[in-house]
N, C-alpha and C. Protein backbone atom coordinates (compact mmCIF):
# COMPACT_ATOMS: atom_id res chain seq x y z
N MET A 1 225.50 169.20 237.86
CA MET A 1 224.29 169.30 239.44
C MET A 1 223.63 170.42 239.02
N THR A 2 222.16 171.25 238.86
CA THR A 2 221.60 172.34 238.86
C THR A 2 221.76 173.55 239.93
N HIS A 3 221.73 174.28 238.85
CA HIS A 3 221.60 175.60 240.41
C HIS A 3 221.06 175.70 240.82
N GLY A 4 219.80 175.37 240.85
CA GLY A 4 219.42 175.08 242.30
C GLY A 4 219.62 174.27 243.75
N THR A 5 220.18 172.74 242.81
CA THR A 5 220.76 172.13 243.72
C THR A 5 221.44 172.99 244.20
N GLN A 6 222.19 174.30 243.93
CA GLN A 6 223.76 174.47 244.29
C GLN A 6 222.94 175.24 245.80
N ASP A 7 221.89 176.64 244.70
CA ASP A 7 221.71 176.68 245.86
C ASP A 7 221.73 176.18 247.27
N ALA A 8 220.87 175.07 247.29
CA ALA A 8 219.52 174.42 248.23
C ALA A 8 220.91 173.97 249.00
N ILE A 9 222.53 173.70 249.00
CA ILE A 9 223.24 173.02 249.51
C ILE A 9 223.89 174.28 249.71
N VAL A 10 223.72 175.87 249.03
CA VAL A 10 224.64 177.13 250.19
C VAL A 10 223.71 177.71 250.67
N ARG A 11 222.47 177.30 250.69
CA ARG A 11 221.23 177.78 252.29
C ARG A 11 221.75 176.62 253.20
N ALA A 12 221.83 174.99 253.20
CA ALA A 12 221.96 174.70 254.29
C ALA A 12 223.34 175.26 255.18
N LEU A 13 223.99 175.28 253.74
CA LEU A 13 225.90 175.40 255.07
C LEU A 13 225.44 176.71 255.30
N ALA A 14 224.83 177.87 255.80
CA ALA A 14 224.35 178.68 256.01
C ALA A 14 223.93 178.05 256.88
N GLU A 15 223.04 177.76 257.97
CA GLU A 15 222.55 177.64 258.70
C GLU A 15 223.21 176.61 259.99
N PRO A 16 223.65 177.55 261.69
CA PRO A 16 224.02 177.04 262.28
C PRO A 16 224.22 175.28 263.06
N SER A 17 222.36 175.41 262.96
CA SER A 17 222.14 174.15 262.70
C SER A 17 222.26 172.99 262.24
N PHE A 18 223.27 172.66 260.78
CA PHE A 18 223.52 172.26 259.89
C PHE A 18 224.77 171.90 260.41
N TYR A 19 226.02 171.88 261.56
CA TYR A 19 227.15 171.31 261.51
C TYR A 19 226.57 170.99 262.98
N PRO A 20 227.04 169.71 263.77
CA PRO A 20 227.23 169.14 264.98
C PRO A 20 227.86 169.75 265.72
N HIS A 21 228.91 170.95 265.17
CA HIS A 21 229.67 172.13 267.05
C HIS A 21 229.08 173.61 266.40
N ARG A 22 228.18 173.09 265.93
CA ARG A 22 226.54 173.30 266.57
C ARG A 22 227.43 175.41 266.63
N PRO A 23 227.89 176.40 265.80
CA PRO A 23 228.07 177.45 265.78
C PRO A 23 227.04 178.71 266.61
N GLN A 24 227.76 179.59 266.70
CA GLN A 24 226.74 180.44 266.91
C GLN A 24 226.22 181.75 265.69
N ARG A 25 226.79 180.83 265.25
CA ARG A 25 226.50 182.14 263.69
C ARG A 25 227.65 181.33 262.23
N VAL A 26 227.42 181.31 261.09
CA VAL A 26 227.88 181.44 259.74
C VAL A 26 227.43 182.11 258.91
N ASP A 27 229.57 183.05 258.76
CA ASP A 27 230.18 183.74 258.16
C ASP A 27 229.49 183.46 256.62
N HIS A 28 228.72 183.62 255.39
CA HIS A 28 229.28 183.41 253.70
C HIS A 28 229.53 184.48 253.59
N LEU A 29 230.50 184.13 253.01
CA LEU A 29 231.27 185.58 252.24
C LEU A 29 231.39 183.93 250.29
N GLN A 30 231.53 184.64 249.43
CA GLN A 30 231.84 183.90 248.28
C GLN A 30 233.31 184.79 247.21
N THR A 31 233.17 184.30 246.37
CA THR A 31 234.71 184.69 245.56
C THR A 31 234.13 184.44 244.31
N HIS A 32 235.38 184.51 243.63
CA HIS A 32 233.47 183.84 242.00
C HIS A 32 233.62 182.07 241.94
N ILE A 33 234.62 182.26 242.74
CA ILE A 33 234.98 180.15 242.54
C ILE A 33 234.38 179.80 243.73
N SER A 34 233.82 179.99 243.83
CA SER A 34 233.82 179.24 245.71
C SER A 34 233.05 179.54 246.64
N HIS A 35 232.42 179.25 247.85
CA HIS A 35 231.60 179.75 248.53
C HIS A 35 233.02 179.97 250.21
N LEU A 36 232.40 180.38 250.79
CA LEU A 36 233.22 180.32 252.31
C LEU A 36 232.31 180.38 252.69
N PHE A 37 231.59 178.92 254.31
CA PHE A 37 231.46 179.28 255.64
C PHE A 37 231.69 179.43 256.58
N PHE A 38 232.44 180.02 257.22
CA PHE A 38 232.87 180.46 258.71
C PHE A 38 231.90 180.31 259.89
N ALA A 39 231.86 178.69 259.54
CA ALA A 39 230.94 177.90 261.10
C ALA A 39 232.38 177.98 263.02
N GLY A 40 231.99 179.12 262.91
CA GLY A 40 232.83 178.22 264.79
C GLY A 40 234.60 178.21 263.96
N SER A 41 234.84 177.56 264.91
CA SER A 41 236.55 177.41 264.80
C SER A 41 236.77 176.07 263.52
N TYR A 42 234.79 176.04 262.32
CA TYR A 42 235.52 175.10 261.22
C TYR A 42 235.85 176.52 259.62
N VAL A 43 235.89 176.42 258.33
CA VAL A 43 235.94 177.23 257.66
C VAL A 43 235.20 176.21 256.46
N TYR A 44 234.23 176.33 255.89
CA TYR A 44 234.15 175.05 254.74
C TYR A 44 234.04 175.84 253.25
N LYS A 45 234.97 175.49 252.20
CA LYS A 45 234.63 175.61 251.38
C LYS A 45 233.18 175.24 250.46
N LEU A 46 233.35 175.88 250.05
CA LEU A 46 232.57 174.27 248.98
C LEU A 46 232.26 175.40 246.92
N LYS A 47 233.30 174.30 245.90
CA LYS A 47 233.58 175.39 244.50
C LYS A 47 232.33 175.56 244.31
N LYS A 48 232.13 175.72 242.86
CA LYS A 48 230.73 176.96 242.49
C LYS A 48 231.71 175.63 241.33
N ALA A 49 229.49 175.21 240.91
CA ALA A 49 229.31 175.08 239.41
C ALA A 49 229.54 175.79 238.19
N VAL A 50 230.42 176.15 238.13
CA VAL A 50 231.29 177.36 237.08
C VAL A 50 232.33 177.00 236.60
N ARG A 51 232.14 177.67 234.54
CA ARG A 51 233.41 177.40 234.13
C ARG A 51 234.36 178.89 233.49
N PHE A 52 234.86 178.43 232.65
CA PHE A 52 236.02 180.21 232.90
C PHE A 52 236.97 179.65 231.65
N SER A 53 237.37 181.49 231.39
CA SER A 53 238.60 180.26 229.93
C SER A 53 239.64 179.84 231.86
N PHE A 54 239.22 180.02 232.63
CA PHE A 54 241.10 179.44 233.26
C PHE A 54 240.76 178.49 234.09
N LEU A 55 239.44 177.66 233.53
CA LEU A 55 239.13 176.71 234.89
C LEU A 55 237.84 176.20 234.45
N ASP A 56 237.85 175.68 234.49
CA ASP A 56 236.22 174.41 234.99
C ASP A 56 235.81 173.64 235.55
N PHE A 57 235.03 174.35 236.90
CA PHE A 57 234.35 173.42 237.82
C PHE A 57 233.02 173.32 237.76
N SER A 58 232.89 173.09 236.18
CA SER A 58 230.95 172.82 235.93
C SER A 58 230.46 171.67 235.61
N THR A 59 231.47 169.74 236.59
CA THR A 59 230.95 169.11 236.43
C THR A 59 231.38 168.55 238.04
N LEU A 60 230.37 167.33 238.36
CA LEU A 60 230.40 167.15 240.07
C LEU A 60 232.62 166.21 239.91
N GLU A 61 232.25 165.59 239.07
CA GLU A 61 233.64 165.29 238.54
C GLU A 61 234.73 165.89 238.99
N ARG A 62 235.09 166.91 238.78
CA ARG A 62 236.33 168.39 237.63
C ARG A 62 235.93 169.17 239.53
N ARG A 63 235.09 169.51 240.55
CA ARG A 63 234.73 170.22 241.79
C ARG A 63 235.86 168.92 242.73
N ARG A 64 235.23 167.72 242.22
CA ARG A 64 236.25 166.24 242.98
C ARG A 64 237.25 166.17 243.44
N TYR A 65 237.86 166.02 241.16
CA TYR A 65 239.67 165.98 241.95
C TYR A 65 240.29 167.86 242.31
N PHE A 66 239.66 169.01 241.21
CA PHE A 66 240.30 170.22 242.44
C PHE A 66 239.85 170.50 243.96
N CYS A 67 239.52 169.82 244.47
CA CYS A 67 239.27 169.57 246.20
C CYS A 67 240.04 168.90 245.94
N ASP A 68 240.38 167.68 245.23
CA ASP A 68 241.14 166.34 246.04
C ASP A 68 242.72 167.12 245.64
N GLU A 69 242.89 167.53 245.15
CA GLU A 69 244.16 168.85 244.80
C GLU A 69 244.73 169.78 245.10
N GLU A 70 243.07 170.47 245.95
CA GLU A 70 243.44 171.67 246.48
C GLU A 70 243.77 171.02 248.05
N LEU A 71 243.83 170.28 248.09
CA LEU A 71 244.04 169.26 250.26
C LEU A 71 245.37 168.51 249.18
N ARG A 72 245.79 168.15 248.63
CA ARG A 72 247.23 167.71 248.36
C ARG A 72 248.47 168.47 248.56
N LEU A 73 247.75 169.46 247.85
CA LEU A 73 248.60 170.67 247.61
C LEU A 73 249.26 171.53 248.40
N ASN A 74 247.79 172.01 249.69
CA ASN A 74 247.76 172.81 250.46
C ASN A 74 248.28 172.27 251.93
N ARG A 75 248.56 170.69 251.62
CA ARG A 75 249.00 169.94 253.32
C ARG A 75 250.08 169.86 253.10
N ARG A 76 250.21 169.82 251.86
CA ARG A 76 252.52 169.86 252.01
C ARG A 76 252.90 171.40 253.40
N LEU A 77 251.88 172.64 253.10
CA LEU A 77 253.25 173.74 253.47
C LEU A 77 252.08 174.56 255.05
N ALA A 78 250.87 173.50 255.08
CA ALA A 78 249.29 173.66 255.58
C ALA A 78 248.44 172.89 256.77
N ALA A 79 248.96 171.70 256.87
CA ALA A 79 248.38 171.03 257.32
C ALA A 79 247.65 170.95 258.15
N ALA A 80 248.17 171.93 259.35
CA ALA A 80 247.24 171.69 260.48
C ALA A 80 246.11 172.80 260.27
N VAL A 81 245.37 173.59 259.05
CA VAL A 81 244.76 174.54 258.09
C VAL A 81 243.26 173.01 257.17
N TYR A 82 244.68 172.46 255.95
CA TYR A 82 243.69 172.49 255.49
C TYR A 82 243.53 170.85 255.63
N LEU A 83 242.27 170.43 256.85
CA LEU A 83 241.58 169.38 257.89
C LEU A 83 241.23 168.06 256.76
N ASP A 84 240.56 168.28 255.76
CA ASP A 84 239.44 166.99 255.26
C ASP A 84 239.01 167.62 253.91
N ILE A 85 238.76 166.71 253.38
CA ILE A 85 236.87 167.03 252.82
C ILE A 85 236.57 165.96 252.33
N VAL A 86 235.12 166.84 252.83
CA VAL A 86 234.27 164.89 254.02
C VAL A 86 232.75 165.54 252.30
N PRO A 87 231.81 164.50 251.89
CA PRO A 87 231.11 164.59 250.66
C PRO A 87 229.59 165.19 251.37
N VAL A 88 229.55 166.21 250.38
CA VAL A 88 228.11 166.23 251.24
C VAL A 88 226.88 165.52 249.83
N VAL A 89 226.18 165.07 251.04
CA VAL A 89 224.60 164.46 250.84
C VAL A 89 222.96 164.44 251.45
N ARG A 90 222.17 163.87 250.94
CA ARG A 90 220.86 164.35 251.19
C ARG A 90 220.70 163.40 252.55
N SER A 91 219.87 164.08 252.74
CA SER A 91 219.56 163.67 254.17
C SER A 91 218.10 162.95 253.72
N GLY A 92 217.59 162.13 254.67
CA GLY A 92 216.26 161.18 254.71
C GLY A 92 215.21 161.78 254.56
N ASP A 93 215.80 163.39 254.99
CA ASP A 93 214.73 163.97 256.13
C ASP A 93 215.91 165.87 256.14
N ALA A 94 214.90 165.83 255.97
CA ALA A 94 215.12 167.51 255.51
C ALA A 94 215.36 168.11 256.67
N ASP A 95 214.96 167.61 258.36
CA ASP A 95 214.59 168.69 259.38
C ASP A 95 215.94 167.76 259.61
N SER A 96 216.03 166.52 259.33
CA SER A 96 216.97 165.86 260.36
C SER A 96 219.00 166.71 260.00
N ARG A 97 219.12 167.77 258.90
CA ARG A 97 220.42 167.86 258.65
C ARG A 97 221.55 168.28 259.47
N SER A 98 222.85 167.86 259.65
CA SER A 98 223.68 168.21 260.47
C SER A 98 224.91 168.11 258.73
N ALA A 99 226.42 168.39 259.69
CA ALA A 99 227.34 168.04 258.77
C ALA A 99 228.35 167.26 259.56
N ALA A 100 229.48 167.26 258.90
CA ALA A 100 231.03 167.06 258.97
C ALA A 100 231.59 167.71 260.02
N THR A 101 232.53 167.01 260.90
CA THR A 101 233.59 167.80 260.85
C THR A 101 234.37 167.08 260.00
N ALA A 102 235.63 167.53 260.74
CA ALA A 102 237.37 166.54 260.13
C ALA A 102 237.23 165.92 261.52
N SER A 103 236.78 166.00 262.35
CA SER A 103 237.43 164.82 263.73
C SER A 103 235.82 163.78 263.79
N SER A 104 234.83 165.03 262.34
CA SER A 104 234.09 163.49 262.99
C SER A 104 233.83 162.94 261.39
N SER A 105 233.87 161.12 262.07
CA SER A 105 233.34 160.55 261.03
C SER A 105 231.70 160.03 260.49
N SER A 106 231.02 160.89 261.26
CA SER A 106 230.23 161.44 260.09
C SER A 106 230.01 162.06 258.69
N ARG A 107 228.99 161.81 258.41
CA ARG A 107 228.29 163.31 256.54
C ARG A 107 228.00 163.99 256.51
N CYS A 108 228.64 164.91 256.01
CA CYS A 108 227.54 164.94 255.80
C CYS A 108 226.99 165.85 255.55
N CYS A 109 225.36 165.75 256.01
CA CYS A 109 224.20 165.82 255.07
C CYS A 109 223.24 167.68 254.86
N ALA A 110 223.01 167.26 253.21
CA ALA A 110 222.07 168.44 252.91
C ALA A 110 221.88 167.92 251.67
N CYS A 111 220.89 169.30 250.67
CA CYS A 111 220.60 168.70 249.83
C CYS A 111 220.99 169.03 248.39
N GLY A 112 221.05 167.51 247.74
CA GLY A 112 221.44 166.85 246.75
C GLY A 112 222.26 165.87 246.49
N ASP A 113 223.32 165.35 245.87
CA ASP A 113 223.74 163.75 245.54
C ASP A 113 224.91 163.95 246.13
N CYS A 114 225.88 163.34 245.94
CA CYS A 114 227.43 163.60 246.55
C CYS A 114 227.79 164.03 245.92
N ARG A 115 228.50 166.05 246.75
CA ARG A 115 229.38 166.17 246.85
C ARG A 115 230.73 166.82 247.70
N ARG A 116 231.17 167.14 247.01
CA ARG A 116 232.89 167.18 248.39
C ARG A 116 232.37 168.71 249.01
N ILE A 117 233.14 168.70 249.51
CA ILE A 117 233.49 170.36 250.71
C ILE A 117 234.66 170.11 251.35
N ALA A 118 235.02 171.03 251.62
CA ALA A 118 236.72 171.00 251.79
C ALA A 118 236.35 171.59 253.77
N CYS A 119 237.47 171.47 254.33
CA CYS A 119 236.85 171.78 255.75
C CYS A 119 238.31 172.39 256.43
N CYS A 120 238.27 173.40 256.94
CA CYS A 120 239.44 173.77 257.39
C CYS A 120 239.49 174.52 258.42
N ARG A 121 240.12 175.17 258.95
CA ARG A 121 240.05 174.79 259.96
C ARG A 121 240.64 176.57 260.49
N ARG A 122 240.24 177.55 261.31
CA ARG A 122 240.37 178.87 261.34
C ARG A 122 240.98 179.09 261.76
N SER A 123 241.57 180.10 261.16
CA SER A 123 242.49 181.03 262.06
C SER A 123 242.13 182.25 262.27
N SER A 124 243.10 183.24 262.72
CA SER A 124 242.35 184.51 263.60
C SER A 124 243.22 185.40 262.41
N ARG A 125 245.28 184.72 262.43
CA ARG A 125 245.63 185.55 261.99
C ARG A 125 245.54 185.60 260.29
N ALA A 126 244.91 184.13 259.47
CA ALA A 126 244.76 183.96 258.10
C ALA A 126 243.97 184.11 258.14
N VAL A 127 242.89 184.85 258.29
CA VAL A 127 240.88 185.54 258.23
C VAL A 127 240.58 186.67 259.09
N PRO A 128 240.74 187.84 259.02
CA PRO A 128 240.14 189.43 259.36
C PRO A 128 238.70 188.17 259.69
N SER A 129 238.04 189.17 260.63
CA SER A 129 237.69 189.60 261.45
C SER A 129 236.41 189.32 260.51
N MET A 130 234.77 188.64 260.67
CA MET A 130 233.78 188.58 260.01
C MET A 130 232.93 190.66 260.15
N PRO A 131 231.65 190.88 258.98
CA PRO A 131 231.69 191.78 259.48
C PRO A 131 230.24 191.32 259.75
N ARG A 132 229.93 192.65 260.60
CA ARG A 132 228.57 191.74 261.77
C ARG A 132 227.23 192.08 260.49
């Protein structure tokens, strides 16, 4: 995946209209390895296409593998928080983007080929309120 493709996905995920549950706002935070999107009562996590000496998320296959592993491992102790992994796919109409929540059977729509993104339930105890 090119950085331009991931940039397009990040821009789409930052828009409240992207999500079927239509949050009032979306807060975007970054770590060195992930983008986090706080969208109402859900948090979506997109692994960055990066490679460091201690991890390699440089390919779609590696990001998919580590998304699956993160969900598998964290569900053991936090099943109510780690809900699902949903693909992000390109919509035929760029103006009709939407995203799936864990309770929806639809798929995320954004720019790019099939990607995977973790969907977690937002907890006010685990996540401090976002600065405005």
